[in-house]
PDB file of N, CA and C in Angstrom:
ATOM      1  N   UNK A   1       5.139 -35.245 -54.695  1.00  0.00           N
ATOM      2  CA  UNK A   1       5.029 -33.818 -54.797  1.00  0.00           C
ATOM      3  C   UNK A   1       5.021 -33.432 -56.277  1.00  0.00           C
ATOM      4  N   UNK A   2       4.186 -32.509 -56.643  1.00  0.00           N
ATOM      5  CA  UNK A   2       4.082 -32.068 -58.028  1.00  0.00           C
ATOM      6  C   UNK A   2       5.230 -31.124 -58.370  1.00  0.00           C
ATOM      7  N   UNK A   3       5.861 -31.345 -59.514  1.00  0.00           N
ATOM      8  CA  UNK A   3       6.984 -30.526 -59.940  1.00  0.00           C
ATOM      9  C   UNK A   3       6.463 -29.302 -60.677  1.00  0.00           C
ATOM     10  N   UNK A   4       7.069 -28.144 -60.403  1.00  0.00           N
ATOM     11  CA  UNK A   4       6.670 -26.893 -61.043  1.00  0.00           C
ATOM     12  C   UNK A   4       7.800 -26.442 -61.949  1.00  0.00           C
ATOM     13  N   UNK A   5       7.506 -26.125 -63.190  1.00  0.00           N
ATOM     14  CA  UNK A   5       8.518 -25.637 -64.118  1.00  0.00           C
ATOM     15  C   UNK A   5       8.595 -24.122 -64.019  1.00  0.00           C
ATOM     16  N   UNK A   6       9.826 -23.614 -63.903  1.00  0.00           N
ATOM     17  CA  UNK A   6      10.045 -22.168 -63.807  1.00  0.00           C
ATOM     18  C   UNK A   6      10.757 -21.717 -65.075  1.00  0.00           C
ATOM     19  N   UNK A   7      10.211 -20.698 -65.726  1.00  0.00           N
ATOM     20  CA  UNK A   7      10.772 -20.222 -66.994  1.00  0.00           C
ATOM     21  C   UNK A   7      11.358 -18.818 -66.887  1.00  0.00           C
ATOM     22  N   UNK A   8      11.679 -18.378 -65.681  1.00  0.00           N
ATOM     23  CA  UNK A   8      12.257 -17.052 -65.481  1.00  0.00           C
ATOM     24  C   UNK A   8      13.697 -17.191 -65.013  1.00  0.00           C
ATOM     25  N   UNK A   9      14.531 -16.249 -65.390  1.00  0.00           N
ATOM     26  CA  UNK A   9      15.923 -16.246 -64.970  1.00  0.00           C
ATOM     27  C   UNK A   9      16.178 -15.088 -64.016  1.00  0.00           C
ATOM     28  N   UNK A  10      17.281 -15.196 -63.298  1.00  0.00           N
ATOM     29  CA  UNK A  10      17.763 -14.096 -62.467  1.00  0.00           C
ATOM     30  C   UNK A  10      18.897 -13.456 -63.248  1.00  0.00           C
ATOM     31  N   UNK A  11      18.884 -12.139 -63.380  1.00  0.00           N
ATOM     32  CA  UNK A  11      19.919 -11.445 -64.139  1.00  0.00           C
ATOM     33  C   UNK A  11      21.280 -11.616 -63.476  1.00  0.00           C
ATOM     34  N   UNK A  12      22.313 -11.777 -64.305  1.00  0.00           N
ATOM     35  CA  UNK A  12      23.664 -11.884 -63.777  1.00  0.00           C
ATOM     36  C   UNK A  12      24.004 -10.594 -63.043  1.00  0.00           C
ATOM     37  N   UNK A  13      24.564 -10.743 -61.858  1.00  0.00           N
ATOM     38  CA  UNK A  13      24.911  -9.583 -61.041  1.00  0.00           C
ATOM     39  C   UNK A  13      23.819  -9.208 -60.054  1.00  0.00           C
ATOM     40  N   UNK A  14      22.633  -9.773 -60.182  1.00  0.00           N
ATOM     41  CA  UNK A  14      21.545  -9.500 -59.247  1.00  0.00           C
ATOM     42  C   UNK A  14      21.923 -10.022 -57.872  1.00  0.00           C
ATOM     43  N   UNK A  15      21.670  -9.258 -56.831  1.00  0.00           N
ATOM     44  CA  UNK A  15      22.048  -9.670 -55.469  1.00  0.00           C
ATOM     45  C   UNK A  15      21.306 -10.941 -55.033  1.00  0.00           C
ATOM     46  N   UNK A  16      20.160 -11.196 -55.589  1.00  0.00           N
ATOM     47  CA  UNK A  16      19.418 -12.413 -55.271  1.00  0.00           C
ATOM     48  C   UNK A  16      20.161 -13.653 -55.762  1.00  0.00           C
ATOM     49  N   UNK A  17      20.900 -13.523 -56.858  1.00  0.00           N
ATOM     50  CA  UNK A  17      21.631 -14.647 -57.427  1.00  0.00           C
ATOM     51  C   UNK A  17      22.640 -15.230 -56.443  1.00  0.00           C
ATOM     52  N   UNK A  18      23.403 -14.382 -55.783  1.00  0.00           N
ATOM     53  CA  UNK A  18      24.397 -14.848 -54.808  1.00  0.00           C
ATOM     54  C   UNK A  18      23.727 -15.580 -53.649  1.00  0.00           C
ATOM     55  N   UNK A  19      22.618 -15.068 -53.186  1.00  0.00           N
ATOM     56  CA  UNK A  19      21.893 -15.703 -52.080  1.00  0.00           C
ATOM     57  C   UNK A  19      21.368 -17.072 -52.492  1.00  0.00           C
ATOM     58  N   UNK A  20      20.761 -17.161 -53.660  1.00  0.00           N
ATOM     59  CA  UNK A  20      20.246 -18.442 -54.146  1.00  0.00           C
ATOM     60  C   UNK A  20      21.373 -19.453 -54.341  1.00  0.00           C
ATOM     61  N   UNK A  21      22.501 -19.009 -54.911  1.00  0.00           N
ATOM     62  CA  UNK A  21      23.631 -19.895 -55.128  1.00  0.00           C
ATOM     63  C   UNK A  21      24.167 -20.418 -53.802  1.00  0.00           C
ATOM     64  N   UNK A  22      24.289 -19.547 -52.809  1.00  0.00           N
ATOM     65  CA  UNK A  22      24.770 -19.977 -51.484  1.00  0.00           C
ATOM     66  C   UNK A  22      23.849 -21.024 -50.867  1.00  0.00           C
ATOM     67  N   UNK A  23      22.556 -20.854 -51.021  1.00  0.00           N
ATOM     68  CA  UNK A  23      21.608 -21.828 -50.491  1.00  0.00           C
ATOM     69  C   UNK A  23      21.771 -23.184 -51.171  1.00  0.00           C
ATOM     70  N   UNK A  24      21.966 -23.172 -52.479  1.00  0.00           N
ATOM     71  CA  UNK A  24      22.128 -24.423 -53.224  1.00  0.00           C
ATOM     72  C   UNK A  24      23.436 -25.110 -52.834  1.00  0.00           C
ATOM     73  N   UNK A  25      24.536 -24.369 -52.813  1.00  0.00           N
ATOM     74  CA  UNK A  25      25.835 -24.957 -52.472  1.00  0.00           C
ATOM     75  C   UNK A  25      25.837 -25.463 -51.031  1.00  0.00           C
ATOM     76  N   UNK A  26      25.194 -24.756 -50.133  1.00  0.00           N
ATOM     77  CA  UNK A  26      25.094 -25.214 -48.741  1.00  0.00           C
ATOM     78  C   UNK A  26      24.353 -26.547 -48.674  1.00  0.00           C
ATOM     79  N   UNK A  27      23.301 -26.686 -49.454  1.00  0.00           N
ATOM     80  CA  UNK A  27      22.549 -27.948 -49.512  1.00  0.00           C
ATOM     81  C   UNK A  27      23.438 -29.082 -50.003  1.00  0.00           C
ATOM     82  N   UNK A  28      24.225 -28.828 -51.025  1.00  0.00           N
ATOM     83  CA  UNK A  28      25.135 -29.847 -51.571  1.00  0.00           C
ATOM     84  C   UNK A  28      26.186 -30.227 -50.536  1.00  0.00           C
ATOM     85  N   UNK A  29      26.810 -29.241 -49.900  1.00  0.00           N
ATOM     86  CA  UNK A  29      27.874 -29.508 -48.924  1.00  0.00           C
ATOM     87  C   UNK A  29      27.365 -30.332 -47.744  1.00  0.00           C
ATOM     88  N   UNK A  30      26.143 -30.101 -47.332  1.00  0.00           N
ATOM     89  CA  UNK A  30      25.579 -30.860 -46.209  1.00  0.00           C
ATOM     90  C   UNK A  30      25.382 -32.335 -46.561  1.00  0.00           C
ATOM     91  N   UNK A  31      25.230 -32.638 -47.841  1.00  0.00           N
ATOM     92  CA  UNK A  31      25.036 -34.031 -48.264  1.00  0.00           C
ATOM     93  C   UNK A  31      26.352 -34.774 -48.440  1.00  0.00           C
ATOM     94  N   UNK A  32      27.451 -34.046 -48.434  1.00  0.00           N
ATOM     95  CA  UNK A  32      28.770 -34.668 -48.578  1.00  0.00           C
ATOM     96  C   UNK A  32      29.212 -35.199 -47.208  1.00  0.00           C
ATOM     97  N   UNK A  33      30.027 -36.266 -47.209  1.00  0.00           N
ATOM     98  CA  UNK A  33      30.478 -36.890 -45.960  1.00  0.00           C
ATOM     99  C   UNK A  33      31.829 -36.323 -45.548  1.00  0.00           C
ATOM    100  N   UNK A  34      31.841 -35.506 -44.499  1.00  0.00           N
ATOM    101  CA  UNK A  34      33.078 -34.911 -43.996  1.00  0.00           C
ATOM    102  C   UNK A  34      33.232 -35.150 -42.504  1.00  0.00           C
ATOM    103  N   UNK A  35      32.921 -36.367 -42.066  1.00  0.00           N
ATOM    104  CA  UNK A  35      33.078 -36.697 -40.652  1.00  0.00           C
ATOM    105  C   UNK A  35      34.553 -36.784 -40.286  1.00  0.00           C
ATOM    106  N   UNK A  36      34.845 -36.582 -39.016  1.00  0.00           N
ATOM    107  CA  UNK A  36      36.221 -36.668 -38.545  1.00  0.00           C
ATOM    108  C   UNK A  36      36.865 -35.301 -38.496  1.00  0.00           C
ATOM    109  N   UNK A  37      38.128 -35.278 -38.069  1.00  0.00           N
ATOM    110  CA  UNK A  37      38.829 -33.997 -38.019  1.00  0.00           C
ATOM    111  C   UNK A  37      39.824 -33.909 -39.169  1.00  0.00           C
ATOM    112  N   UNK A  38      40.519 -32.821 -39.254  1.00  0.00           N
ATOM    113  CA  UNK A  38      41.385 -32.570 -40.407  1.00  0.00           C
ATOM    114  C   UNK A  38      42.488 -33.615 -40.566  1.00  0.00           C
ATOM    115  N   UNK A  39      42.918 -34.230 -39.479  1.00  0.00           N
ATOM    116  CA  UNK A  39      43.994 -35.226 -39.593  1.00  0.00           C
ATOM    117  C   UNK A  39      43.476 -36.613 -39.955  1.00  0.00           C
ATOM    118  N   UNK A  40      42.184 -36.871 -39.776  1.00  0.00           N
ATOM    119  CA  UNK A  40      41.661 -38.209 -40.056  1.00  0.00           C
ATOM    120  C   UNK A  40      40.772 -38.281 -41.303  1.00  0.00           C
ATOM    121  N   UNK A  41      40.430 -37.166 -41.893  1.00  0.00           N
ATOM    122  CA  UNK A  41      39.587 -37.168 -43.094  1.00  0.00           C
ATOM    123  C   UNK A  41      40.394 -37.544 -44.320  1.00  0.00           C
ATOM    124  N   UNK A  42      39.766 -38.275 -45.226  1.00  0.00           N
ATOM    125  CA  UNK A  42      40.451 -38.625 -46.470  1.00  0.00           C
ATOM    126  C   UNK A  42      40.204 -37.571 -47.544  1.00  0.00           C
ATOM    127  N   UNK A  43      39.288 -36.636 -47.268  1.00  0.00           N
ATOM    128  CA  UNK A  43      38.992 -35.589 -48.242  1.00  0.00           C
ATOM    129  C   UNK A  43      38.521 -34.324 -47.542  1.00  0.00           C
ATOM    130  N   UNK A  44      38.734 -33.194 -48.209  1.00  0.00           N
ATOM    131  CA  UNK A  44      38.291 -31.901 -47.709  1.00  0.00           C
ATOM    132  C   UNK A  44      37.829 -31.068 -48.899  1.00  0.00           C
ATOM    133  N   UNK A  45      36.993 -30.096 -48.612  1.00  0.00           N
ATOM    134  CA  UNK A  45      36.556 -29.180 -49.658  1.00  0.00           C
ATOM    135  C   UNK A  45      36.789 -27.760 -49.168  1.00  0.00           C
ATOM    136  N   UNK A  46      37.404 -26.962 -50.020  1.00  0.00           N
ATOM    137  CA  UNK A  46      37.565 -25.533 -49.770  1.00  0.00           C
ATOM    138  C   UNK A  46      36.689 -24.822 -50.795  1.00  0.00           C
ATOM    139  N   UNK A  47      35.846 -23.930 -50.332  1.00  0.00           N
ATOM    140  CA  UNK A  47      34.946 -23.239 -51.253  1.00  0.00           C
ATOM    141  C   UNK A  47      34.933 -21.748 -50.955  1.00  0.00           C
ATOM    142  N   UNK A  48      34.962 -20.964 -52.019  1.00  0.00           N
ATOM    143  CA  UNK A  48      34.827 -19.511 -51.915  1.00  0.00           C
ATOM    144  C   UNK A  48      33.995 -19.062 -53.106  1.00  0.00           C
ATOM    145  N   UNK A  49      32.867 -18.477 -52.817  1.00  0.00           N
ATOM    146  CA  UNK A  49      31.913 -18.055 -53.852  1.00  0.00           C
ATOM    147  C   UNK A  49      31.581 -19.260 -54.734  1.00  0.00           C
ATOM    148  N   UNK A  50      31.871 -19.182 -56.032  1.00  0.00           N
ATOM    149  CA  UNK A  50      31.534 -20.312 -56.903  1.00  0.00           C
ATOM    150  C   UNK A  50      32.757 -21.156 -57.261  1.00  0.00           C
ATOM    151  N   UNK A  51      33.861 -20.960 -56.535  1.00  0.00           N
ATOM    152  CA  UNK A  51      35.060 -21.770 -56.738  1.00  0.00           C
ATOM    153  C   UNK A  51      35.137 -22.833 -55.651  1.00  0.00           C
ATOM    154  N   UNK A  52      35.314 -24.083 -56.065  1.00  0.00           N
ATOM    155  CA  UNK A  52      35.371 -25.194 -55.109  1.00  0.00           C
ATOM    156  C   UNK A  52      36.615 -26.022 -55.399  1.00  0.00           C
ATOM    157  N   UNK A  53      37.384 -26.300 -54.353  1.00  0.00           N
ATOM    158  CA  UNK A  53      38.589 -27.104 -54.463  1.00  0.00           C
ATOM    159  C   UNK A  53      38.403 -28.358 -53.624  1.00  0.00           C
ATOM    160  N   UNK A  54      38.596 -29.516 -54.236  1.00  0.00           N
ATOM    161  CA  UNK A  54      38.516 -30.787 -53.516  1.00  0.00           C
ATOM    162  C   UNK A  54      39.940 -31.263 -53.257  1.00  0.00           C
ATOM    163  N   UNK A  55      40.243 -31.562 -52.008  1.00  0.00           N
ATOM    164  CA  UNK A  55      41.553 -32.066 -51.613  1.00  0.00           C
ATOM    165  C   UNK A  55      41.335 -33.466 -51.054  1.00  0.00           C
ATOM    166  N   UNK A  56      42.120 -34.435 -51.544  1.00  0.00           N
ATOM    167  CA  UNK A  56      41.943 -35.814 -51.087  1.00  0.00           C
ATOM    168  C   UNK A  56      43.302 -36.487 -50.925  1.00  0.00           C
ATOM    169  N   UNK A  57      43.332 -37.498 -50.065  1.00  0.00           N
ATOM    170  CA  UNK A  57      44.571 -38.240 -49.835  1.00  0.00           C
ATOM    171  C   UNK A  57      44.880 -39.215 -50.963  1.00  0.00           C
ATOM    172  N   UNK A  58      43.839 -39.695 -51.651  1.00  0.00           N
ATOM    173  CA  UNK A  58      44.046 -40.644 -52.747  1.00  0.00           C
ATOM    174  C   UNK A  58      43.250 -40.198 -53.966  1.00  0.00           C
ATOM    175  N   UNK A  59      43.678 -40.678 -55.123  1.00  0.00           N
ATOM    176  CA  UNK A  59      42.953 -40.385 -56.359  1.00  0.00           C
ATOM    177  C   UNK A  59      41.546 -40.964 -56.298  1.00  0.00           C
ATOM    178  N   UNK A  60      41.405 -42.137 -55.685  1.00  0.00           N
ATOM    179  CA  UNK A  60      40.092 -42.781 -55.554  1.00  0.00           C
ATOM    180  C   UNK A  60      39.154 -41.910 -54.718  1.00  0.00           C
ATOM    181  N   UNK A  61      39.644 -41.381 -53.599  1.00  0.00           N
ATOM    182  CA  UNK A  61      38.815 -40.518 -52.744  1.00  0.00           C
ATOM    183  C   UNK A  61      38.443 -39.235 -53.475  1.00  0.00           C
ATOM    184  N   UNK A  62      39.383 -38.702 -54.262  1.00  0.00           N
ATOM    185  CA  UNK A  62      39.114 -37.486 -55.037  1.00  0.00           C
ATOM    186  C   UNK A  62      38.021 -37.744 -56.068  1.00  0.00           C
ATOM    187  N   UNK A  63      38.157 -38.825 -56.830  1.00  0.00           N
ATOM    188  CA  UNK A  63      37.154 -39.159 -57.850  1.00  0.00           C
ATOM    189  C   UNK A  63      35.783 -39.418 -57.238  1.00  0.00           C
ATOM    190  N   UNK A  64      35.752 -40.142 -56.126  1.00  0.00           N
ATOM    191  CA  UNK A  64      34.481 -40.456 -55.462  1.00  0.00           C
ATOM    192  C   UNK A  64      33.791 -39.176 -54.985  1.00  0.00           C
ATOM    193  N   UNK A  65      34.566 -38.273 -54.396  1.00  0.00           N
ATOM    194  CA  UNK A  65      34.013 -37.015 -53.908  1.00  0.00           C
ATOM    195  C   UNK A  65      33.522 -36.146 -55.064  1.00  0.00           C
ATOM    196  N   UNK A  66      34.319 -36.059 -56.127  1.00  0.00           N
ATOM    197  CA  UNK A  66      33.922 -35.265 -57.288  1.00  0.00           C
ATOM    198  C   UNK A  66      32.643 -35.822 -57.917  1.00  0.00           C
ATOM    199  N   UNK A  67      32.566 -37.139 -58.077  1.00  0.00           N
ATOM    200  CA  UNK A  67      31.375 -37.750 -58.665  1.00  0.00           C
ATOM    201  C   UNK A  67      30.138 -37.531 -57.810  1.00  0.00           C
ATOM    202  N   UNK A  68      30.282 -37.636 -56.489  1.00  0.00           N
ATOM    203  CA  UNK A  68      29.142 -37.402 -55.605  1.00  0.00           C
ATOM    204  C   UNK A  68      28.693 -35.940 -55.690  1.00  0.00           C
ATOM    205  N   UNK A  69      29.668 -35.015 -55.696  1.00  0.00           N
ATOM    206  CA  UNK A  69      29.316 -33.603 -55.800  1.00  0.00           C
ATOM    207  C   UNK A  69      28.626 -33.318 -57.128  1.00  0.00           C
ATOM    208  N   UNK A  70      29.124 -33.896 -58.208  1.00  0.00           N
ATOM    209  CA  UNK A  70      28.509 -33.718 -59.524  1.00  0.00           C
ATOM    210  C   UNK A  70      27.068 -34.213 -59.517  1.00  0.00           C
ATOM    211  N   UNK A  71      26.842 -35.374 -58.948  1.00  0.00           N
ATOM    212  CA  UNK A  71      25.478 -35.920 -58.866  1.00  0.00           C
ATOM    213  C   UNK A  71      24.560 -35.002 -58.071  1.00  0.00           C
ATOM    214  N   UNK A  72      25.044 -34.506 -56.946  1.00  0.00           N
ATOM    215  CA  UNK A  72      24.212 -33.666 -56.077  1.00  0.00           C
ATOM    216  C   UNK A  72      23.869 -32.326 -56.734  1.00  0.00           C
ATOM    217  N   UNK A  73      24.841 -31.682 -57.401  1.00  0.00           N
ATOM    218  CA  UNK A  73      24.528 -30.394 -58.028  1.00  0.00           C
ATOM    219  C   UNK A  73      23.611 -30.572 -59.232  1.00  0.00           C
ATOM    220  N   UNK A  74      23.780 -31.686 -59.960  1.00  0.00           N
ATOM    221  CA  UNK A  74      22.900 -31.928 -61.107  1.00  0.00           C
ATOM    222  C   UNK A  74      21.460 -32.175 -60.672  1.00  0.00           C
ATOM    223  N   UNK A  75      21.281 -32.785 -59.499  1.00  0.00           N
ATOM    224  CA  UNK A  75      19.923 -32.970 -58.970  1.00  0.00           C
ATOM    225  C   UNK A  75      19.240 -31.627 -58.743  1.00  0.00           C
ATOM    226  N   UNK A  76      20.044 -30.593 -58.486  1.00  0.00           N
ATOM    227  CA  UNK A  76      19.503 -29.263 -58.221  1.00  0.00           C
ATOM    228  C   UNK A  76      19.528 -28.359 -59.455  1.00  0.00           C
ATOM    229  N   UNK A  77      19.862 -28.939 -60.614  1.00  0.00           N
ATOM    230  CA  UNK A  77      19.803 -28.189 -61.857  1.00  0.00           C
ATOM    231  C   UNK A  77      21.058 -27.419 -62.220  1.00  0.00           C
ATOM    232  N   UNK A  78      22.176 -27.674 -61.561  1.00  0.00           N
ATOM    233  CA  UNK A  78      23.429 -26.983 -61.859  1.00  0.00           C
ATOM    234  C   UNK A  78      24.391 -27.927 -62.569  1.00  0.00           C
ATOM    235  N   UNK A  79      25.417 -27.360 -63.180  1.00  0.00           N
ATOM    236  CA  UNK A  79      26.468 -28.141 -63.829  1.00  0.00           C
ATOM    237  C   UNK A  79      27.809 -27.640 -63.337  1.00  0.00           C
ATOM    238  N   UNK A  80      28.762 -28.559 -63.202  1.00  0.00           N
ATOM    239  CA  UNK A  80      30.121 -28.199 -62.796  1.00  0.00           C
ATOM    240  C   UNK A  80      30.927 -27.897 -64.059  1.00  0.00           C
ATOM    241  N   UNK A  81      31.594 -26.759 -64.063  1.00  0.00           N
ATOM    242  CA  UNK A  81      32.442 -26.372 -65.183  1.00  0.00           C
ATOM    243  C   UNK A  81      33.892 -26.638 -64.789  1.00  0.00           C
ATOM    244  N   UNK A  82      34.439 -27.782 -65.206  1.00  0.00           N
ATOM    245  CA  UNK A  82      35.809 -28.136 -64.823  1.00  0.00           C
ATOM    246  C   UNK A  82      36.837 -27.377 -65.644  1.00  0.00           C
ATOM    247  N   UNK A  83      36.417 -26.683 -66.699  1.00  0.00           N
ATOM    248  CA  UNK A  83      37.336 -25.920 -67.533  1.00  0.00           C
ATOM    249  C   UNK A  83      37.431 -24.455 -67.152  1.00  0.00           C
ATOM    250  N   UNK A  84      36.721 -24.034 -66.133  1.00  0.00           N
ATOM    251  CA  UNK A  84      36.736 -22.634 -65.708  1.00  0.00           C
ATOM    252  C   UNK A  84      38.139 -22.246 -65.264  1.00  0.00           C
ATOM    253  N   UNK A  85      38.591 -21.119 -65.691  1.00  0.00           N
ATOM    254  CA  UNK A  85      39.928 -20.637 -65.308  1.00  0.00           C
ATOM    255  C   UNK A  85      39.860 -19.243 -64.781  1.00  0.00           C
TER     256      UNK A  85
END
């Protein structure tokens, strides 16, 4: 498939921005592995708007989930800001 370069931005606060962001984050979440129920999963994600919290039973599971999420969002042209407060 031929790649198309887009040189236009969406203004901050534009209602289209929230819709586009939700579509992108939904795509990322669907690629993450969250099989099982809450008592058997080794990791969970809580998300609200652009805030995402990863909860894991082990540091290894947390790192693996974070790295996979980072890879998936970067494929879609986004970056994770771990310093956001």
